[in-house]
Amino acid sequence: MGLLFDAIGMLSFALPFIGEFSDVVWAPIAGWLISIMYKGKIGQAAGIVTFIEEIIPGLDVIPTFTLMWLYTYVFKKTQPSKVIPAD
């Protein structure tokens, strides 16, 4: 889904000048979608970053959905659960 949403965000480059106006519509949608996909404070922060990235002309090349997926599933360090020894 992230790759599809990144591709939709980059479509504005296909239509010079007109495409940048489509970002006004896509930016809030993209921010909302990423905050739904990733719950909690991380999802909220990603929503804000995605909104800003999509609303500013020229920054559409940043694949925020893909970067968020990489952060969540590849780079994020999770602490292992503590194992209580059985008696």
PDB file of N, CA and C in Angstrom:
ATOM      1  N   MET A   1       0.832  -1.195   0.000  1.00  0.00           N
ATOM      2  CA  MET A   1       0.000   0.000   0.000  1.00  0.00           C
ATOM      3  C   MET A   1       0.875   1.256   0.000  1.00  0.00           C
ATOM      4  N   GLY A   2       1.982   1.188   0.752  1.00  0.00           N
ATOM      5  CA  GLY A   2       2.872   2.344   0.834  1.00  0.00           C
ATOM      6  C   GLY A   2       3.456   2.717  -0.514  1.00  0.00           C
ATOM      7  N   LEU A   3       3.843   1.717  -1.299  1.00  0.00           N
ATOM      8  CA  LEU A   3       4.386   1.997  -2.637  1.00  0.00           C
ATOM      9  C   LEU A   3       3.335   2.645  -3.534  1.00  0.00           C
ATOM     10  N   LEU A   4       2.102   2.165  -3.436  1.00  0.00           N
ATOM     11  CA  LEU A   4       1.012   2.752  -4.218  1.00  0.00           C
ATOM     12  C   LEU A   4       0.779   4.202  -3.812  1.00  0.00           C
ATOM     13  N   PHE A   5       0.750   4.470  -2.519  1.00  0.00           N
ATOM     14  CA  PHE A   5       0.514   5.836  -2.052  1.00  0.00           C
ATOM     15  C   PHE A   5       1.669   6.766  -2.417  1.00  0.00           C
ATOM     16  N   ASP A   6       2.905   6.246  -2.379  1.00  0.00           N
ATOM     17  CA  ASP A   6       4.045   7.057  -2.827  1.00  0.00           C
ATOM     18  C   ASP A   6       3.928   7.360  -4.317  1.00  0.00           C
ATOM     19  N   ALA A   7       3.487   6.388  -5.091  1.00  0.00           N
ATOM     20  CA  ALA A   7       3.315   6.601  -6.534  1.00  0.00           C
ATOM     21  C   ALA A   7       2.237   7.649  -6.811  1.00  0.00           C
ATOM     22  N   ILE A   8       1.153   7.606  -6.060  1.00  0.00           N
ATOM     23  CA  ILE A   8       0.088   8.611  -6.221  1.00  0.00           C
ATOM     24  C   ILE A   8       0.640   9.997  -5.897  1.00  0.00           C
ATOM     25  N   GLY A   9       1.434  10.095  -4.852  1.00  0.00           N
ATOM     26  CA  GLY A   9       2.014  11.383  -4.474  1.00  0.00           C
ATOM     27  C   GLY A   9       2.951  11.940  -5.539  1.00  0.00           C
ATOM     28  N   MET A  10       3.624  11.048  -6.271  1.00  0.00           N
ATOM     29  CA  MET A  10       4.562  11.488  -7.301  1.00  0.00           C
ATOM     30  C   MET A  10       3.888  11.783  -8.638  1.00  0.00           C
ATOM     31  N   LEU A  11       2.603  11.481  -8.753  1.00  0.00           N
ATOM     32  CA  LEU A  11       1.890  11.736 -10.003  1.00  0.00           C
ATOM     33  C   LEU A  11       1.842  13.214 -10.363  1.00  0.00           C
ATOM     34  N   SER A  12       1.992  14.079  -9.389  1.00  0.00           N
ATOM     35  CA  SER A  12       1.927  15.507  -9.679  1.00  0.00           C
ATOM     36  C   SER A  12       3.055  15.945 -10.607  1.00  0.00           C
ATOM     37  N   PHE A  13       4.140  15.157 -10.675  1.00  0.00           N
ATOM     38  CA  PHE A  13       5.222  15.488 -11.602  1.00  0.00           C
ATOM     39  C   PHE A  13       4.831  15.188 -13.052  1.00  0.00           C
ATOM     40  N   ALA A  14       3.814  14.359 -13.260  1.00  0.00           N
ATOM     41  CA  ALA A  14       3.378  14.007 -14.610  1.00  0.00           C
ATOM     42  C   ALA A  14       2.644  15.165 -15.285  1.00  0.00           C
ATOM     43  N   LEU A  15       2.049  16.023 -14.518  1.00  0.00           N
ATOM     44  CA  LEU A  15       1.304  17.162 -15.061  1.00  0.00           C
ATOM     45  C   LEU A  15       1.951  18.461 -14.582  1.00  0.00           C
ATOM     46  N   PRO A  16       2.890  18.992 -15.346  1.00  0.00           N
ATOM     47  CA  PRO A  16       3.570  20.216 -14.902  1.00  0.00           C
ATOM     48  C   PRO A  16       2.584  21.343 -14.603  1.00  0.00           C
ATOM     49  N   PHE A  17       2.829  22.081 -13.558  1.00  0.00           N
ATOM     50  CA  PHE A  17       2.037  23.215 -13.068  1.00  0.00           C
ATOM     51  C   PHE A  17       0.673  22.789 -12.532  1.00  0.00           C
ATOM     52  N   ILE A  18      -0.076  22.001 -13.268  1.00  0.00           N
ATOM     53  CA  ILE A  18      -1.395  21.547 -12.803  1.00  0.00           C
ATOM     54  C   ILE A  18      -1.230  20.541 -11.669  1.00  0.00           C
ATOM     55  N   GLY A  19      -0.230  19.682 -11.796  1.00  0.00           N
ATOM     56  CA  GLY A  19      -0.002  18.645 -10.800  1.00  0.00           C
ATOM     57  C   GLY A  19       0.280  19.187  -9.420  1.00  0.00           C
ATOM     58  N   GLU A  20       0.969  20.300  -9.333  1.00  0.00           N
ATOM     59  CA  GLU A  20       1.274  20.875  -8.017  1.00  0.00           C
ATOM     60  C   GLU A  20       0.004  21.304  -7.294  1.00  0.00           C
ATOM     61  N   PHE A  21      -1.027  21.693  -8.029  1.00  0.00           N
ATOM     62  CA  PHE A  21      -2.288  22.051  -7.389  1.00  0.00           C
ATOM     63  C   PHE A  21      -2.997  20.815  -6.837  1.00  0.00           C
ATOM     64  N   SER A  22      -2.731  19.649  -7.442  1.00  0.00           N
ATOM     65  CA  SER A  22      -3.338  18.414  -6.930  1.00  0.00           C
ATOM     66  C   SER A  22      -2.789  18.063  -5.550  1.00  0.00           C
ATOM     67  N   ASP A  23      -1.606  18.581  -5.239  1.00  0.00           N
ATOM     68  CA  ASP A  23      -1.027  18.329  -3.913  1.00  0.00           C
ATOM     69  C   ASP A  23      -1.866  18.944  -2.804  1.00  0.00           C
ATOM     70  N   VAL A  24      -2.594  19.981  -3.096  1.00  0.00           N
ATOM     71  CA  VAL A  24      -3.462  20.608  -2.095  1.00  0.00           C
ATOM     72  C   VAL A  24      -4.528  19.613  -1.652  1.00  0.00           C
ATOM     73  N   VAL A  25      -4.962  18.763  -2.576  1.00  0.00           N
ATOM     74  CA  VAL A  25      -5.955  17.739  -2.253  1.00  0.00           C
ATOM     75  C   VAL A  25      -5.276  16.505  -1.646  1.00  0.00           C
ATOM     76  N   TRP A  26      -4.146  16.093  -2.244  1.00  0.00           N
ATOM     77  CA  TRP A  26      -3.489  14.860  -1.822  1.00  0.00           C
ATOM     78  C   TRP A  26      -2.807  14.979  -0.457  1.00  0.00           C
ATOM     79  N   ALA A  27      -2.266  16.126  -0.111  1.00  0.00           N
ATOM     80  CA  ALA A  27      -1.510  16.278   1.136  1.00  0.00           C
ATOM     81  C   ALA A  27      -2.314  15.877   2.381  1.00  0.00           C
ATOM     82  N   PRO A  28      -3.521  16.394   2.587  1.00  0.00           N
ATOM     83  CA  PRO A  28      -4.259  15.975   3.789  1.00  0.00           C
ATOM     84  C   PRO A  28      -4.687  14.505   3.743  1.00  0.00           C
ATOM     85  N   ILE A  29      -4.987  14.010   2.538  1.00  0.00           N
ATOM     86  CA  ILE A  29      -5.368  12.600   2.403  1.00  0.00           C
ATOM     87  C   ILE A  29      -4.188  11.706   2.763  1.00  0.00           C
ATOM     88  N   ALA A  30      -3.002  12.041   2.237  1.00  0.00           N
ATOM     89  CA  ALA A  30      -1.802  11.251   2.518  1.00  0.00           C
ATOM     90  C   ALA A  30      -1.459  11.279   4.004  1.00  0.00           C
ATOM     91  N   GLY A  31      -1.560  12.446   4.618  1.00  0.00           N
ATOM     92  CA  GLY A  31      -1.293  12.548   6.050  1.00  0.00           C
ATOM     93  C   GLY A  31      -2.250  11.704   6.869  1.00  0.00           C
ATOM     94  N   TRP A  32      -3.503  11.705   6.486  1.00  0.00           N
ATOM     95  CA  TRP A  32      -4.514  10.912   7.182  1.00  0.00           C
ATOM     96  C   TRP A  32      -4.260   9.423   6.976  1.00  0.00           C
ATOM     97  N   LEU A  33      -3.956   9.017   5.734  1.00  0.00           N
ATOM     98  CA  LEU A  33      -3.722   7.609   5.432  1.00  0.00           C
ATOM     99  C   LEU A  33      -2.543   7.031   6.223  1.00  0.00           C
ATOM    100  N   ILE A  34      -1.444   7.763   6.271  1.00  0.00           N
ATOM    101  CA  ILE A  34      -0.279   7.235   6.985  1.00  0.00           C
ATOM    102  C   ILE A  34      -0.517   7.185   8.491  1.00  0.00           C
ATOM    103  N   SER A  35      -1.321   8.121   9.002  1.00  0.00           N
ATOM    104  CA  SER A  35      -1.625   8.079  10.439  1.00  0.00           C
ATOM    105  C   SER A  35      -2.568   6.922  10.766  1.00  0.00           C
ATOM    106  N   ILE A  36      -3.349   6.474   9.799  1.00  0.00           N
ATOM    107  CA  ILE A  36      -4.210   5.304   9.983  1.00  0.00           C
ATOM    108  C   ILE A  36      -3.375   4.018   9.895  1.00  0.00           C
ATOM    109  N   MET A  37      -2.421   4.015   8.960  1.00  0.00           N
ATOM    110  CA  MET A  37      -1.593   2.820   8.750  1.00  0.00           C
ATOM    111  C   MET A  37      -0.665   2.535   9.928  1.00  0.00           C
ATOM    112  N   TYR A  38      -0.176   3.592  10.559  1.00  0.00           N
ATOM    113  CA  TYR A  38       0.774   3.442  11.669  1.00  0.00           C
ATOM    114  C   TYR A  38       0.190   4.138  12.897  1.00  0.00           C
ATOM    115  N   LYS A  39      -0.178   3.367  13.860  1.00  0.00           N
ATOM    116  CA  LYS A  39      -0.868   3.886  15.045  1.00  0.00           C
ATOM    117  C   LYS A  39       0.081   4.573  16.023  1.00  0.00           C
ATOM    118  N   GLY A  40      -0.489   5.314  16.927  1.00  0.00           N
ATOM    119  CA  GLY A  40       0.264   5.943  18.011  1.00  0.00           C
ATOM    120  C   GLY A  40       0.951   7.229  17.611  1.00  0.00           C
ATOM    121  N   LYS A  41       1.884   7.629  18.452  1.00  0.00           N
ATOM    122  CA  LYS A  41       2.599   8.895  18.229  1.00  0.00           C
ATOM    123  C   LYS A  41       3.448   8.848  16.967  1.00  0.00           C
ATOM    124  N   ILE A  42       3.983   7.678  16.636  1.00  0.00           N
ATOM    125  CA  ILE A  42       4.778   7.537  15.413  1.00  0.00           C
ATOM    126  C   ILE A  42       3.898   7.807  14.194  1.00  0.00           C
ATOM    127  N   GLY A  43       2.700   7.278  14.194  1.00  0.00           N
ATOM    128  CA  GLY A  43       1.765   7.507  13.091  1.00  0.00           C
ATOM    129  C   GLY A  43       1.347   8.960  12.984  1.00  0.00           C
ATOM    130  N   GLN A  44       1.139   9.606  14.138  1.00  0.00           N
ATOM    131  CA  GLN A  44       0.776  11.026  14.133  1.00  0.00           C
ATOM    132  C   GLN A  44       1.916  11.875  13.590  1.00  0.00           C
ATOM    133  N   ALA A  45       3.135  11.576  14.016  1.00  0.00           N
ATOM    134  CA  ALA A  45       4.299  12.317  13.517  1.00  0.00           C
ATOM    135  C   ALA A  45       4.483  12.081  12.023  1.00  0.00           C
ATOM    136  N   ALA A  46       4.301  10.842  11.598  1.00  0.00           N
ATOM    137  CA  ALA A  46       4.425  10.526  10.169  1.00  0.00           C
ATOM    138  C   ALA A  46       3.351  11.260   9.362  1.00  0.00           C
ATOM    139  N   GLY A  47       2.158  11.394   9.923  1.00  0.00           N
ATOM    140  CA  GLY A  47       1.089  12.120   9.241  1.00  0.00           C
ATOM    141  C   GLY A  47       1.448  13.584   9.028  1.00  0.00           C
ATOM    142  N   ILE A  48       2.031  14.192  10.031  1.00  0.00           N
ATOM    143  CA  ILE A  48       2.436  15.601   9.918  1.00  0.00           C
ATOM    144  C   ILE A  48       3.561  15.754   8.906  1.00  0.00           C
ATOM    145  N   VAL A  49       4.558  14.873   8.989  1.00  0.00           N
ATOM    146  CA  VAL A  49       5.683  14.942   8.051  1.00  0.00           C
ATOM    147  C   VAL A  49       5.196  14.711   6.624  1.00  0.00           C
ATOM    148  N   THR A  50       4.314  13.739   6.434  1.00  0.00           N
ATOM    149  CA  THR A  50       3.786  13.445   5.101  1.00  0.00           C
ATOM    150  C   THR A  50       2.993  14.622   4.563  1.00  0.00           C
ATOM    151  N   PHE A  51       2.168  15.232   5.398  1.00  0.00           N
ATOM    152  CA  PHE A  51       1.400  16.398   4.959  1.00  0.00           C
ATOM    153  C   PHE A  51       2.334  17.515   4.495  1.00  0.00           C
ATOM    154  N   ILE A  52       3.337  17.818   5.297  1.00  0.00           N
ATOM    155  CA  ILE A  52       4.281  18.890   4.953  1.00  0.00           C
ATOM    156  C   ILE A  52       5.040  18.547   3.679  1.00  0.00           C
ATOM    157  N   GLU A  53       5.481  17.292   3.563  1.00  0.00           N
ATOM    158  CA  GLU A  53       6.236  16.869   2.382  1.00  0.00           C
ATOM    159  C   GLU A  53       5.393  16.973   1.124  1.00  0.00           C
ATOM    160  N   GLU A  54       4.122  16.641   1.214  1.00  0.00           N
ATOM    161  CA  GLU A  54       3.257  16.673   0.031  1.00  0.00           C
ATOM    162  C   GLU A  54       2.789  18.090  -0.318  1.00  0.00           C
ATOM    163  N   ILE A  55       2.644  18.951   0.655  1.00  0.00           N
ATOM    164  CA  ILE A  55       2.115  20.290   0.392  1.00  0.00           C
ATOM    165  C   ILE A  55       3.180  21.228  -0.171  1.00  0.00           C
ATOM    166  N   ILE A  56       4.458  20.976   0.145  1.00  0.00           N
ATOM    167  CA  ILE A  56       5.530  21.836  -0.349  1.00  0.00           C
ATOM    168  C   ILE A  56       5.925  21.380  -1.748  1.00  0.00           C
ATOM    169  N   PRO A  57       5.832  22.252  -2.738  1.00  0.00           N
ATOM    170  CA  PRO A  57       6.174  21.880  -4.113  1.00  0.00           C
ATOM    171  C   PRO A  57       7.622  21.402  -4.234  1.00  0.00           C
ATOM    172  N   GLY A  58       7.792  20.332  -5.005  1.00  0.00           N
ATOM    173  CA  GLY A  58       9.117  19.815  -5.271  1.00  0.00           C
ATOM    174  C   GLY A  58       9.582  18.717  -4.336  1.00  0.00           C
ATOM    175  N   LEU A  59       8.900  18.520  -3.220  1.00  0.00           N
ATOM    176  CA  LEU A  59       9.320  17.493  -2.265  1.00  0.00           C
ATOM    177  C   LEU A  59       8.610  16.159  -2.475  1.00  0.00           C
ATOM    178  N   ASP A  60       7.821  16.050  -3.524  1.00  0.00           N
ATOM    179  CA  ASP A  60       7.078  14.818  -3.781  1.00  0.00           C
ATOM    180  C   ASP A  60       7.979  13.624  -4.061  1.00  0.00           C
ATOM    181  N   VAL A  61       9.224  13.864  -4.365  1.00  0.00           N
ATOM    182  CA  VAL A  61      10.133  12.762  -4.673  1.00  0.00           C
ATOM    183  C   VAL A  61      10.524  11.968  -3.429  1.00  0.00           C
ATOM    184  N   ILE A  62      10.254  12.489  -2.246  1.00  0.00           N
ATOM    185  CA  ILE A  62      10.578  11.785  -1.007  1.00  0.00           C
ATOM    186  C   ILE A  62       9.500  10.723  -0.754  1.00  0.00           C
ATOM    187  N   PRO A  63       9.879   9.453  -0.744  1.00  0.00           N
ATOM    188  CA  PRO A  63       8.883   8.379  -0.553  1.00  0.00           C
ATOM    189  C   PRO A  63       8.567   8.156   0.930  1.00  0.00           C
ATOM    190  N   THR A  64       7.776   9.020   1.511  1.00  0.00           N
ATOM    191  CA  THR A  64       7.540   8.972   2.952  1.00  0.00           C
ATOM    192  C   THR A  64       6.852   7.687   3.409  1.00  0.00           C
ATOM    193  N   PHE A  65       5.928   7.160   2.622  1.00  0.00           N
ATOM    194  CA  PHE A  65       5.262   5.913   3.003  1.00  0.00           C
ATOM    195  C   PHE A  65       6.270   4.768   3.046  1.00  0.00           C
ATOM    196  N   THR A  66       7.141   4.707   2.046  1.00  0.00           N
ATOM    197  CA  THR A  66       8.155   3.659   1.996  1.00  0.00           C
ATOM    198  C   THR A  66       9.164   3.827   3.122  1.00  0.00           C
ATOM    199  N   LEU A  67       9.575   5.054   3.391  1.00  0.00           N
ATOM    200  CA  LEU A  67      10.512   5.294   4.483  1.00  0.00           C
ATOM    201  C   LEU A  67       9.907   4.911   5.829  1.00  0.00           C
ATOM    202  N   MET A  68       8.627   5.183   6.009  1.00  0.00           N
ATOM    203  CA  MET A  68       7.963   4.819   7.253  1.00  0.00           C
ATOM    204  C   MET A  68       7.875   3.301   7.398  1.00  0.00           C
ATOM    205  N   TRP A  69       7.620   2.606   6.302  1.00  0.00           N
ATOM    206  CA  TRP A  69       7.587   1.146   6.340  1.00  0.00           C
ATOM    207  C   TRP A  69       8.962   0.603   6.728  1.00  0.00           C
ATOM    208  N   LEU A  70      10.012   1.146   6.102  1.00  0.00           N
ATOM    209  CA  LEU A  70      11.376   0.715   6.423  1.00  0.00           C
ATOM    210  C   LEU A  70      11.693   0.972   7.894  1.00  0.00           C
ATOM    211  N   TYR A  71      11.322   2.143   8.385  1.00  0.00           N
ATOM    212  CA  TYR A  71      11.561   2.459   9.792  1.00  0.00           C
ATOM    213  C   TYR A  71      10.843   1.464  10.702  1.00  0.00           C
ATOM    214  N   THR A  72       9.586   1.187  10.402  1.00  0.00           N
ATOM    215  CA  THR A  72       8.768   0.340  11.259  1.00  0.00           C
ATOM    216  C   THR A  72       9.203  -1.116  11.240  1.00  0.00           C
ATOM    217  N   TYR A  73       9.495  -1.652  10.050  1.00  0.00           N
ATOM    218  CA  TYR A  73       9.719  -3.089   9.933  1.00  0.00           C
ATOM    219  C   TYR A  73      11.181  -3.498   9.739  1.00  0.00           C
ATOM    220  N   VAL A  74      12.075  -2.562   9.465  1.00  0.00           N
ATOM    221  CA  VAL A  74      13.470  -2.926   9.241  1.00  0.00           C
ATOM    222  C   VAL A  74      14.386  -2.309  10.298  1.00  0.00           C
ATOM    223  N   PHE A  75      14.283  -0.993  10.526  1.00  0.00           N
ATOM    224  CA  PHE A  75      15.235  -0.295  11.376  1.00  0.00           C
ATOM    225  C   PHE A  75      14.828  -0.145  12.835  1.00  0.00           C
ATOM    226  N   LYS A  76      13.548  -0.232  13.132  1.00  0.00           N
ATOM    227  CA  LYS A  76      13.076  -0.002  14.496  1.00  0.00           C
ATOM    228  C   LYS A  76      13.578  -1.107  15.417  1.00  0.00           C
ATOM    229  N   LYS A  77      14.183  -0.693  16.492  1.00  0.00           N
ATOM    230  CA  LYS A  77      14.702  -1.648  17.464  1.00  0.00           C
ATOM    231  C   LYS A  77      13.619  -1.941  18.502  1.00  0.00           C
ATOM    232  N   THR A  78      13.214  -3.179  18.585  1.00  0.00           N
ATOM    233  CA  THR A  78      12.237  -3.557  19.605  1.00  0.00           C
ATOM    234  C   THR A  78      12.967  -4.328  20.699  1.00  0.00           C
ATOM    235  N   GLN A  79      12.591  -4.045  21.901  1.00  0.00           N
ATOM    236  CA  GLN A  79      13.197  -4.736  23.030  1.00  0.00           C
ATOM    237  C   GLN A  79      12.553  -6.100  23.181  1.00  0.00           C
ATOM    238  N   PRO A  80      13.366  -7.133  23.339  1.00  0.00           N
ATOM    239  CA  PRO A  80      12.771  -8.463  23.530  1.00  0.00           C
ATOM    240  C   PRO A  80      12.021  -8.532  24.849  1.00  0.00           C
ATOM    241  N   SER A  81      10.979  -9.326  24.869  1.00  0.00           N
ATOM    242  CA  SER A  81      10.208  -9.459  26.110  1.00  0.00           C
ATOM    243  C   SER A  81      11.023 -10.250  27.127  1.00  0.00           C
ATOM    244  N   LYS A  82      10.826  -9.928  28.371  1.00  0.00           N
ATOM    245  CA  LYS A  82      11.566 -10.601  29.441  1.00  0.00           C
ATOM    246  C   LYS A  82      10.960 -11.976  29.674  1.00  0.00           C
ATOM    247  N   VAL A  83      11.830 -12.954  29.766  1.00  0.00           N
ATOM    248  CA  VAL A  83      11.388 -14.316  30.002  1.00  0.00           C
ATOM    249  C   VAL A  83      11.551 -14.619  31.494  1.00  0.00           C
ATOM    250  N   ILE A  84      10.477 -15.041  32.107  1.00  0.00           N
ATOM    251  CA  ILE A  84      10.515 -15.405  33.525  1.00  0.00           C
ATOM    252  C   ILE A  84      10.796 -16.895  33.619  1.00  0.00           C
ATOM    253  N   PRO A  85      11.887 -17.269  34.296  1.00  0.00           N
ATOM    254  CA  PRO A  85      12.202 -18.704  34.376  1.00  0.00           C
ATOM    255  C   PRO A  85      11.145 -19.477  35.149  1.00  0.00           C
ATOM    256  N   ALA A  86      10.855 -20.672  34.662  1.00  0.00           N
ATOM    257  CA  ALA A  86       9.867 -21.532  35.336  1.00  0.00           C
ATOM    258  C   ALA A  86      10.523 -22.201  36.527  1.00  0.00           C
ATOM    259  N   ASP A  87       9.777 -22.371  37.606  1.00  0.00           N
ATOM    260  CA  ASP A  87      10.306 -23.041  38.811  1.00  0.00           C
ATOM    261  C   ASP A  87      10.067 -24.509  38.749  1.00  0.00           C
TER     262      ASP A  87
END
